[in-house]
């Protein structure tokens, strides 16, 4: 349930705005909902907060794909 996941991650981000994990989950949930611009914003926040993320390359590629989708 992407809507339920997004709501849970929104709350997580609200409660712990400096924790990058909430933004990652939120971005992925938004992507599943088709909320591309929101997904991009959340994933960019994740990368800013998690400079040494183990999945940085994967998320960067995902962001490139989402950015391409949002421009079409």
Protein backbone atom coordinates (compact mmCIF):
# COMPACT_ATOMS: atom_id res chain seq x y z
CA UNK A 1 0.00 0.00 0.00
CA UNK A 2 1.96 2.97 -1.29
CA UNK A 3 -0.38 5.56 0.25
CA UNK A 4 -0.03 4.00 3.69
CA UNK A 5 3.73 3.78 3.32
CA UNK A 6 3.93 7.42 2.22
CA UNK A 7 1.88 8.51 5.24
CA UNK A 8 4.14 6.53 7.58
CA UNK A 9 7.31 7.94 6.04
CA UNK A 10 5.89 11.48 6.09
CA UNK A 11 5.41 11.04 9.83
CA UNK A 12 8.93 9.61 10.19
CA UNK A 13 10.38 12.62 8.36
CA UNK A 14 8.31 14.97 10.51
CA UNK A 15 9.56 13.32 13.70
CA UNK A 16 13.21 12.93 12.62
CA UNK A 17 13.98 15.37 9.79
CA UNK A 18 17.72 14.75 9.98
CA UNK A 19 17.38 10.96 9.52
CA UNK A 20 17.99 10.15 5.85
CA UNK A 21 16.17 6.81 5.94
CA UNK A 22 12.77 8.45 6.14
CA UNK A 23 13.42 10.44 2.99
CA UNK A 24 14.54 7.35 1.11
CA UNK A 25 11.40 5.45 2.00
CA UNK A 26 9.24 8.48 1.30
CA UNK A 27 10.79 8.93 -2.13
CA UNK A 28 10.20 5.31 -3.07
CA UNK A 29 6.61 5.43 -1.79
CA UNK A 30 5.93 8.62 -3.74
CA UNK A 31 7.40 7.02 -6.85
CA UNK A 32 5.01 4.08 -6.51
CA UNK A 33 2.13 6.56 -6.27
CA UNK A 34 3.27 8.34 -9.42
CA UNK A 35 4.14 11.49 -7.48
CA UNK A 36 7.32 12.00 -9.47
CA UNK A 37 8.25 15.53 -8.35
CA UNK A 38 7.66 14.63 -4.70
CA UNK A 39 9.75 11.48 -5.16
CA UNK A 40 12.59 13.49 -6.66
CA UNK A 41 12.55 16.00 -3.79
CA UNK A 42 12.55 13.28 -1.14
CA UNK A 43 15.35 11.30 -2.78
CA UNK A 44 17.48 14.42 -3.24
CA UNK A 45 17.03 15.11 0.48
CA UNK A 46 18.08 11.53 1.21
CA UNK A 47 21.29 11.92 -0.76
CA UNK A 48 22.07 15.29 0.85
CA UNK A 49 21.65 13.83 4.33
CA UNK A 50 23.40 10.55 3.58
CA UNK A 51 26.63 11.55 1.83
CA UNK A 52 28.07 8.03 2.11
CA UNK A 53 24.94 5.99 1.40
CA UNK A 54 25.67 2.43 0.30
CA UNK A 55 23.01 2.77 -2.41
CA UNK A 56 24.07 6.21 -3.65
CA UNK A 57 24.65 5.00 -7.23
CA UNK A 58 21.30 3.21 -7.38
CA UNK A 59 19.42 6.23 -6.05
CA UNK A 60 21.30 8.58 -8.36
CA UNK A 61 20.31 6.46 -11.38
CA UNK A 62 16.73 6.37 -10.12
CA UNK A 63 16.76 10.17 -9.80
CA UNK A 64 18.05 10.51 -13.36
CA UNK A 65 15.22 8.31 -14.62
CA UNK A 66 12.60 10.19 -12.58
CA UNK A 67 13.92 13.55 -13.72
CA UNK A 68 13.67 12.37 -17.31
CA UNK A 69 10.07 11.21 -16.70
CA UNK A 70 9.07 14.52 -15.12
CA UNK A 71 10.39 16.49 -18.09
CA UNK A 72 8.25 14.53 -20.58
